[in-house]
C-alpha atoms as a PDB file:
ATOM      1  CA  UNK A   1     261.368 120.222  65.782  1.00  0.00           C
ATOM      2  CA  UNK A   2     260.957 119.261  69.447  1.00  0.00           C
ATOM      3  CA  UNK A   3     257.759 117.974  71.004  1.00  0.00           C
ATOM      4  CA  UNK A   4     257.395 117.147  74.697  1.00  0.00           C
ATOM      5  CA  UNK A   5     254.245 115.570  76.071  1.00  0.00           C
ATOM      6  CA  UNK A   6     253.610 115.081  79.795  1.00  0.00           C
ATOM      7  CA  UNK A   7     257.262 114.407  80.605  1.00  0.00           C
ATOM      8  CA  UNK A   8     257.823 113.387  84.226  1.00  0.00           C
ATOM      9  CA  UNK A   9     260.994 112.293  85.978  1.00  0.00           C
ATOM     10  CA  UNK A  10     261.857 111.026  89.433  1.00  0.00           C
ATOM     11  CA  UNK A  11     265.078 110.574  91.373  1.00  0.00           C
ATOM     12  CA  UNK A  12     263.957 107.768  93.674  1.00  0.00           C
ATOM     13  CA  UNK A  13     260.832 109.145  95.375  1.00  0.00           C
ATOM     14  CA  UNK A  14     261.624 112.755  94.514  1.00  0.00           C
ATOM     15  CA  UNK A  15     259.818 114.074  91.454  1.00  0.00           C
ATOM     16  CA  UNK A  16     261.995 116.542  89.526  1.00  0.00           C
ATOM     17  CA  UNK A  17     259.750 117.023  86.475  1.00  0.00           C
ATOM     18  CA  UNK A  18     255.946 116.930  86.494  1.00  0.00           C
ATOM     19  CA  UNK A  19     253.890 116.636  83.290  1.00  0.00           C
ATOM     20  CA  UNK A  20     256.034 118.997  81.219  1.00  0.00           C
ATOM     21  CA  UNK A  21     254.476 119.694  77.822  1.00  0.00           C
ATOM     22  CA  UNK A  22     255.742 122.091  75.157  1.00  0.00           C
ATOM     23  CA  UNK A  23     256.884 122.170  71.553  1.00  0.00           C
ATOM     24  CA  UNK A  24     259.558 124.090  69.699  1.00  0.00           C
ATOM     25  CA  UNK A  25     259.235 124.876  66.028  1.00  0.00           C
ATOM     26  CA  UNK A  26     262.073 124.954  63.507  1.00  0.00           C
ATOM     27  CA  UNK A  27     263.995 128.216  63.827  1.00  0.00           C
ATOM     28  CA  UNK A  28     262.495 129.145  67.186  1.00  0.00           C
ATOM     29  CA  UNK A  29     264.639 130.375  70.066  1.00  0.00           C
ATOM     30  CA  UNK A  30     263.144 129.405  73.414  1.00  0.00           C
ATOM     31  CA  UNK A  31     264.614 130.522  76.733  1.00  0.00           C
ATOM     32  CA  UNK A  32     263.975 128.394  79.834  1.00  0.00           C
ATOM     33  CA  UNK A  33     264.231 130.313  83.092  1.00  0.00           C
ATOM     34  CA  UNK A  34     263.174 130.019  86.703  1.00  0.00           C
ATOM     35  CA  UNK A  35     264.615 129.747  90.207  1.00  0.00           C
ATOM     36  CA  UNK A  36     267.497 127.388  91.017  1.00  0.00           C
ATOM     37  CA  UNK A  37     266.354 123.802  91.455  1.00  0.00           C
ATOM     38  CA  UNK A  38     263.212 124.272  89.355  1.00  0.00           C
ATOM     39  CA  UNK A  39     264.154 121.496  86.896  1.00  0.00           C
ATOM     40  CA  UNK A  40     265.393 123.652  83.991  1.00  0.00           C
ATOM     41  CA  UNK A  41     268.639 121.776  83.312  1.00  0.00           C
ATOM     42  CA  UNK A  42     266.968 118.416  83.826  1.00  0.00           C
ATOM     43  CA  UNK A  43     264.267 119.344  81.317  1.00  0.00           C
ATOM     44  CA  UNK A  44     266.754 120.314  78.618  1.00  0.00           C
ATOM     45  CA  UNK A  45     268.865 117.190  79.186  1.00  0.00           C
ATOM     46  CA  UNK A  46     265.874 114.883  78.660  1.00  0.00           C
ATOM     47  CA  UNK A  47     265.683 116.122  75.051  1.00  0.00           C
ATOM     48  CA  UNK A  48     268.798 114.235  74.003  1.00  0.00           C
ATOM     49  CA  UNK A  49     268.352 111.548  76.676  1.00  0.00           C
ATOM     50  CA  UNK A  50     271.289 112.651  78.817  1.00  0.00           C
ATOM     51  CA  UNK A  51     268.672 112.450  81.580  1.00  0.00           C
ATOM     52  CA  UNK A  52     266.327 109.457  81.317  1.00  0.00           C
ATOM     53  CA  UNK A  53     262.665 110.142  82.097  1.00  0.00           C
ATOM     54  CA  UNK A  54     260.074 107.730  83.404  1.00  0.00           C
ATOM     55  CA  UNK A  55     256.856 109.048  81.884  1.00  0.00           C
ATOM     56  CA  UNK A  56     255.776 110.964  78.799  1.00  0.00           C
ATOM     57  CA  UNK A  57     257.040 111.354  75.250  1.00  0.00           C
ATOM     58  CA  UNK A  58     259.728 113.437  73.555  1.00  0.00           C
ATOM     59  CA  UNK A  59     260.121 113.630  69.785  1.00  0.00           C
ATOM     60  CA  UNK A  60     263.024 115.408  68.077  1.00  0.00           C
ATOM     61  CA  UNK A  61     262.576 115.936  64.324  1.00  0.00           C
ATOM     62  CA  UNK A  62     260.247 112.935  64.214  1.00  0.00           C
ATOM     63  CA  UNK A  63     262.556 110.655  66.247  1.00  0.00           C
ATOM     64  CA  UNK A  64     261.047 109.278  69.466  1.00  0.00           C
ATOM     65  CA  UNK A  65     263.543 109.769  72.302  1.00  0.00           C
ATOM     66  CA  UNK A  66     261.390 107.608  74.599  1.00  0.00           C
ATOM     67  CA  UNK A  67     261.412 104.613  72.200  1.00  0.00           C
ATOM     68  CA  UNK A  68     263.855 101.960  73.491  1.00  0.00           C
ATOM     69  CA  UNK A  69     264.748 101.132  69.872  1.00  0.00           C
ATOM     70  CA  UNK A  70     265.966 104.667  69.104  1.00  0.00           C
ATOM     71  CA  UNK A  71     269.674 104.967  68.387  1.00  0.00           C
ATOM     72  CA  UNK A  72     270.506 107.557  71.056  1.00  0.00           C
ATOM     73  CA  UNK A  73     274.154 108.216  70.031  1.00  0.00           C
ATOM     74  CA  UNK A  74     272.940 108.956  66.509  1.00  0.00           C
ATOM     75  CA  UNK A  75     270.232 111.280  67.848  1.00  0.00           C
ATOM     76  CA  UNK A  76     272.734 113.058  70.118  1.00  0.00           C
ATOM     77  CA  UNK A  77     275.029 113.650  67.154  1.00  0.00           C
ATOM     78  CA  UNK A  78     272.237 115.778  65.634  1.00  0.00           C
ATOM     79  CA  UNK A  79     271.378 117.653  68.829  1.00  0.00           C
ATOM     80  CA  UNK A  80     274.164 120.069  69.788  1.00  0.00           C
ATOM     81  CA  UNK A  81     274.650 120.508  73.519  1.00  0.00           C
ATOM     82  CA  UNK A  82     276.649 123.249  75.236  1.00  0.00           C
ATOM     83  CA  UNK A  83     277.192 122.829  78.972  1.00  0.00           C
ATOM     84  CA  UNK A  84     277.827 125.175  81.852  1.00  0.00           C
ATOM     85  CA  UNK A  85     281.421 123.964  82.331  1.00  0.00           C
ATOM     86  CA  UNK A  86     282.470 123.656  78.671  1.00  0.00           C
ATOM     87  CA  UNK A  87     283.270 119.887  78.909  1.00  0.00           C
ATOM     88  CA  UNK A  88     286.229 120.136  76.534  1.00  0.00           C
ATOM     89  CA  UNK A  89     288.841 117.357  76.662  1.00  0.00           C
ATOM     90  CA  UNK A  90     291.731 119.018  78.553  1.00  0.00           C
ATOM     91  CA  UNK A  91     294.407 116.702  77.101  1.00  0.00           C
ATOM     92  CA  UNK A  92     293.419 117.427  73.481  1.00  0.00           C
ATOM     93  CA  UNK A  93     294.177 120.556  71.477  1.00  0.00           C
ATOM     94  CA  UNK A  94     291.359 122.821  70.301  1.00  0.00           C
ATOM     95  CA  UNK A  95     291.588 121.257  66.828  1.00  0.00           C
ATOM     96  CA  UNK A  96     291.422 117.718  68.257  1.00  0.00           C
ATOM     97  CA  UNK A  97     288.416 118.698  70.394  1.00  0.00           C
ATOM     98  CA  UNK A  98     286.680 119.931  67.230  1.00  0.00           C
ATOM     99  CA  UNK A  99     287.410 116.884  65.073  1.00  0.00           C
ATOM    100  CA  UNK A 100     287.194 113.870  67.410  1.00  0.00           C
ATOM    101  CA  UNK A 101     283.408 113.363  67.404  1.00  0.00           C
ATOM    102  CA  UNK A 102     283.123 114.201  63.706  1.00  0.00           C
ATOM    103  CA  UNK A 103     285.538 111.361  62.898  1.00  0.00           C
ATOM    104  CA  UNK A 104     284.291 108.831  65.485  1.00  0.00           C
ATOM    105  CA  UNK A 105     280.537 109.488  65.323  1.00  0.00           C
ATOM    106  CA  UNK A 106     279.881 110.919  61.861  1.00  0.00           C
ATOM    107  CA  UNK A 107     282.596 108.912  60.102  1.00  0.00           C
ATOM    108  CA  UNK A 108     284.169 111.945  58.455  1.00  0.00           C
ATOM    109  CA  UNK A 109     287.723 111.758  57.156  1.00  0.00           C
ATOM    110  CA  UNK A 110     290.280 113.627  59.285  1.00  0.00           C
ATOM    111  CA  UNK A 111     290.752 116.216  56.527  1.00  0.00           C
ATOM    112  CA  UNK A 112     286.986 116.845  56.172  1.00  0.00           C
ATOM    113  CA  UNK A 113     286.584 117.031  59.951  1.00  0.00           C
ATOM    114  CA  UNK A 114     289.457 119.489  60.189  1.00  0.00           C
ATOM    115  CA  UNK A 115     288.066 121.748  57.446  1.00  0.00           C
ATOM    116  CA  UNK A 116     284.635 121.660  59.072  1.00  0.00           C
ATOM    117  CA  UNK A 117     285.975 122.306  62.574  1.00  0.00           C
ATOM    118  CA  UNK A 118     288.174 125.205  61.490  1.00  0.00           C
ATOM    119  CA  UNK A 119     285.263 126.792  59.623  1.00  0.00           C
ATOM    120  CA  UNK A 120     283.259 126.962  62.864  1.00  0.00           C
ATOM    121  CA  UNK A 121     286.282 127.964  64.936  1.00  0.00           C
ATOM    122  CA  UNK A 122     286.576 130.935  62.575  1.00  0.00           C
ATOM    123  CA  UNK A 123     282.844 131.616  63.056  1.00  0.00           C
ATOM    124  CA  UNK A 124     283.375 132.045  66.803  1.00  0.00           C
ATOM    125  CA  UNK A 125     286.461 134.197  66.175  1.00  0.00           C
ATOM    126  CA  UNK A 126     289.119 131.823  67.497  1.00  0.00           C
ATOM    127  CA  UNK A 127     291.086 130.603  64.454  1.00  0.00           C
ATOM    128  CA  UNK A 128     294.321 131.814  66.043  1.00  0.00           C
ATOM    129  CA  UNK A 129     293.822 129.457  69.028  1.00  0.00           C
ATOM    130  CA  UNK A 130     293.536 126.214  67.048  1.00  0.00           C
ATOM    131  CA  UNK A 131     296.750 124.631  68.365  1.00  0.00           C
ATOM    132  CA  UNK A 132     296.272 125.590  72.011  1.00  0.00           C
ATOM    133  CA  UNK A 133     294.901 123.375  74.770  1.00  0.00           C
ATOM    134  CA  UNK A 134     291.730 124.307  76.681  1.00  0.00           C
ATOM    135  CA  UNK A 135     293.737 125.215  79.799  1.00  0.00           C
ATOM    136  CA  UNK A 136     295.538 127.929  77.822  1.00  0.00           C
ATOM    137  CA  UNK A 137     292.253 129.682  76.964  1.00  0.00           C
ATOM    138  CA  UNK A 138     289.998 131.976  78.988  1.00  0.00           C
ATOM    139  CA  UNK A 139     286.611 130.675  80.098  1.00  0.00           C
ATOM    140  CA  UNK A 140     284.832 132.666  77.401  1.00  0.00           C
ATOM    141  CA  UNK A 141     287.152 131.263  74.743  1.00  0.00           C
ATOM    142  CA  UNK A 142     286.641 127.705  76.002  1.00  0.00           C
ATOM    143  CA  UNK A 143     282.875 128.131  75.811  1.00  0.00           C
ATOM    144  CA  UNK A 144     283.129 129.484  72.261  1.00  0.00           C
ATOM    145  CA  UNK A 145     285.233 126.436  71.303  1.00  0.00           C
ATOM    146  CA  UNK A 146     282.515 124.236  72.851  1.00  0.00           C
ATOM    147  CA  UNK A 147     279.910 125.990  70.679  1.00  0.00           C
ATOM    148  CA  UNK A 148     282.107 125.532  67.574  1.00  0.00           C
ATOM    149  CA  UNK A 149     282.502 121.844  68.458  1.00  0.00           C
ATOM    150  CA  UNK A 150     278.738 121.399  68.706  1.00  0.00           C
ATOM    151  CA  UNK A 151     278.157 123.273  65.420  1.00  0.00           C
ATOM    152  CA  UNK A 152     280.742 121.212  63.555  1.00  0.00           C
ATOM    153  CA  UNK A 153     278.435 118.193  63.966  1.00  0.00           C
ATOM    154  CA  UNK A 154     275.816 119.998  61.800  1.00  0.00           C
ATOM    155  CA  UNK A 155     273.099 119.832  64.477  1.00  0.00           C
ATOM    156  CA  UNK A 156     269.412 120.339  63.690  1.00  0.00           C
ATOM    157  CA  UNK A 157     268.907 121.949  67.101  1.00  0.00           C
ATOM    158  CA  UNK A 158     271.188 123.471  69.750  1.00  0.00           C
ATOM    159  CA  UNK A 159     270.637 123.078  73.492  1.00  0.00           C
ATOM    160  CA  UNK A 160     272.409 125.424  75.914  1.00  0.00           C
ATOM    161  CA  UNK A 161     272.519 124.638  79.633  1.00  0.00           C
ATOM    162  CA  UNK A 162     273.429 127.879  81.442  1.00  0.00           C
ATOM    163  CA  UNK A 163     276.289 128.524  79.002  1.00  0.00           C
ATOM    164  CA  UNK A 164     277.440 131.745  80.701  1.00  0.00           C
ATOM    165  CA  UNK A 165     276.954 131.021  84.407  1.00  0.00           C
ATOM    166  CA  UNK A 166     280.527 129.785  84.972  1.00  0.00           C
ATOM    167  CA  UNK A 167     282.067 132.806  83.238  1.00  0.00           C
ATOM    168  CA  UNK A 168     283.519 136.057  84.520  1.00  0.00           C
ATOM    169  CA  UNK A 169     281.102 138.920  83.762  1.00  0.00           C
ATOM    170  CA  UNK A 170     283.481 140.350  81.149  1.00  0.00           C
ATOM    171  CA  UNK A 171     283.366 137.118  79.147  1.00  0.00           C
ATOM    172  CA  UNK A 172     279.611 136.673  79.101  1.00  0.00           C
ATOM    173  CA  UNK A 173     279.129 139.061  76.190  1.00  0.00           C
ATOM    174  CA  UNK A 174     281.481 137.248  73.828  1.00  0.00           C
ATOM    175  CA  UNK A 175     279.557 133.987  74.268  1.00  0.00           C
ATOM    176  CA  UNK A 176     276.136 135.650  74.020  1.00  0.00           C
ATOM    177  CA  UNK A 177     277.252 137.414  70.823  1.00  0.00           C
ATOM    178  CA  UNK A 178     277.870 134.035  69.173  1.00  0.00           C
ATOM    179  CA  UNK A 179     274.461 132.785  70.365  1.00  0.00           C
ATOM    180  CA  UNK A 180     272.712 135.914  69.065  1.00  0.00           C
ATOM    181  CA  UNK A 181     274.357 135.382  65.689  1.00  0.00           C
ATOM    182  CA  UNK A 182     273.176 131.761  65.610  1.00  0.00           C
ATOM    183  CA  UNK A 183     269.642 132.830  66.451  1.00  0.00           C
ATOM    184  CA  UNK A 184     269.633 135.395  63.634  1.00  0.00           C
ATOM    185  CA  UNK A 185     270.756 132.668  61.222  1.00  0.00           C
ATOM    186  CA  UNK A 186     267.684 130.609  62.072  1.00  0.00           C
ATOM    187  CA  UNK A 187     269.198 127.909  64.302  1.00  0.00           C
ATOM    188  CA  UNK A 188     266.568 126.193  66.455  1.00  0.00           C
ATOM    189  CA  UNK A 189     267.702 126.813  70.032  1.00  0.00           C
ATOM    190  CA  UNK A 190     266.596 125.997  73.542  1.00  0.00           C
ATOM    191  CA  UNK A 191     268.553 127.804  76.202  1.00  0.00           C
ATOM    192  CA  UNK A 192     268.501 127.562  79.984  1.00  0.00           C
ATOM    193  CA  UNK A 193     269.806 130.920  81.144  1.00  0.00           C
ATOM    194  CA  UNK A 194     269.587 133.699  83.716  1.00  0.00           C
ATOM    195  CA  UNK A 195     270.589 136.269  81.077  1.00  0.00           C
ATOM    196  CA  UNK A 196     267.300 138.124  80.771  1.00  0.00           C
ATOM    197  CA  UNK A 197     268.796 140.675  78.386  1.00  0.00           C
ATOM    198  CA  UNK A 198     269.530 137.830  75.971  1.00  0.00           C
ATOM    199  CA  UNK A 199     266.010 136.450  76.495  1.00  0.00           C
ATOM    200  CA  UNK A 200     264.466 139.831  75.676  1.00  0.00           C
ATOM    201  CA  UNK A 201     266.672 140.434  72.669  1.00  0.00           C
ATOM    202  CA  UNK A 202     266.648 137.064  70.935  1.00  0.00           C
ATOM    203  CA  UNK A 203     264.046 134.608  72.192  1.00  0.00           C
ATOM    204  CA  UNK A 204     260.679 133.996  70.571  1.00  0.00           C
ATOM    205  CA  UNK A 205     259.259 132.384  73.687  1.00  0.00           C
ATOM    206  CA  UNK A 206     259.980 132.076  77.358  1.00  0.00           C
ATOM    207  CA  UNK A 207     259.317 128.956  79.415  1.00  0.00           C
ATOM    208  CA  UNK A 208     259.255 129.650  83.154  1.00  0.00           C
ATOM    209  CA  UNK A 209     259.652 126.688  85.501  1.00  0.00           C
ATOM    210  CA  UNK A 210     259.058 126.254  89.204  1.00  0.00           C
ATOM    211  CA  UNK A 211     259.290 123.055  91.263  1.00  0.00           C
ATOM    212  CA  UNK A 212     259.580 120.816  88.201  1.00  0.00           C
ATOM    213  CA  UNK A 213     256.563 122.242  86.398  1.00  0.00           C
ATOM    214  CA  UNK A 214     256.250 124.499  83.362  1.00  0.00           C
ATOM    215  CA  UNK A 215     254.342 127.417  84.896  1.00  0.00           C
ATOM    216  CA  UNK A 216     254.544 129.815  81.938  1.00  0.00           C
ATOM    217  CA  UNK A 217     255.071 129.171  78.230  1.00  0.00           C
ATOM    218  CA  UNK A 218     254.403 132.355  76.310  1.00  0.00           C
ATOM    219  CA  UNK A 219     255.793 134.829  73.753  1.00  0.00           C
ATOM    220  CA  UNK A 220     258.678 136.835  75.219  1.00  0.00           C
ATOM    221  CA  UNK A 221     256.818 140.149  74.920  1.00  0.00           C
ATOM    222  CA  UNK A 222     253.950 138.784  76.998  1.00  0.00           C
ATOM    223  CA  UNK A 223     256.359 137.413  79.594  1.00  0.00           C
ATOM    224  CA  UNK A 224     258.298 140.644  80.093  1.00  0.00           C
ATOM    225  CA  UNK A 225     255.711 143.310  79.265  1.00  0.00           C
ATOM    226  CA  UNK A 226     252.482 141.929  80.709  1.00  0.00           C
ATOM    227  CA  UNK A 227     253.405 141.003  84.281  1.00  0.00           C
ATOM    228  CA  UNK A 228     249.774 141.343  85.354  1.00  0.00           C
ATOM    229  CA  UNK A 229     248.957 138.258  83.255  1.00  0.00           C
ATOM    230  CA  UNK A 230     251.703 136.114  84.791  1.00  0.00           C
ATOM    231  CA  UNK A 231     251.421 133.623  87.629  1.00  0.00           C
ATOM    232  CA  UNK A 232     252.308 134.892  91.115  1.00  0.00           C
ATOM    233  CA  UNK A 233     255.585 132.902  91.084  1.00  0.00           C
ATOM    234  CA  UNK A 234     256.665 134.335  87.708  1.00  0.00           C
ATOM    235  CA  UNK A 235     255.684 137.855  88.843  1.00  0.00           C
ATOM    236  CA  UNK A 236     257.839 137.459  91.951  1.00  0.00           C
ATOM    237  CA  UNK A 237     260.769 136.163  89.849  1.00  0.00           C
ATOM    238  CA  UNK A 238     260.461 139.020  87.359  1.00  0.00           C
ATOM    239  CA  UNK A 239     260.190 141.684  90.055  1.00  0.00           C
ATOM    240  CA  UNK A 240     263.500 140.465  91.549  1.00  0.00           C
ATOM    241  CA  UNK A 241     265.479 140.191  88.321  1.00  0.00           C
ATOM    242  CA  UNK A 242     264.146 143.214  86.461  1.00  0.00           C
ATOM    243  CA  UNK A 243     264.435 145.661  89.356  1.00  0.00           C
ATOM    244  CA  UNK A 244     268.222 145.953  88.984  1.00  0.00           C
END
């Protein structure tokens, strides 16, 4: 579903990604973790070209992201993205947030878009909030609306960029529950997160990054249960997060 080959990116002279290579199969759930500033969010944003990259190749379902001729808005409409800070339109109701891109990008009729949006709003347990504005919802509810909005575009893959890090601890669970459900239904997912419980429970693989490089890319059981086989940096990271 996703193939990355030797992807490198610079901000001016500063290299943020160095020769990142991995692939994600249909239905796989891959968690990307690592210390702050290791390039995790940048890596995930190159997949739908929200972050341009200067070297390497990325293919999503056979479409070359690096090809200048690729229709990027069309590609993005098939790659769901959920951000750290929800990115809902504050001046639009929940229903309008769910239907806008369906109508403008996918060309759906307002009635089709509404039916589709409400179906996914129900999936995330928020049908009762359909007429509210984002500011009237809790952070956890806003993030669940953002997930419903992404799903209503019928994506082939979902990307999550630290979807719970801006939430109060009590709200983290309600968002992770939706993500766990998606994973069980076979959605292809790539998720940047610090939620190691989620990684252990749901992911097939863990990618560990440090200083813009993919240091580890292995099955989750190997990552968590065979620390002796990990790189020194990953061992250090694991010892800090798993000790508590």
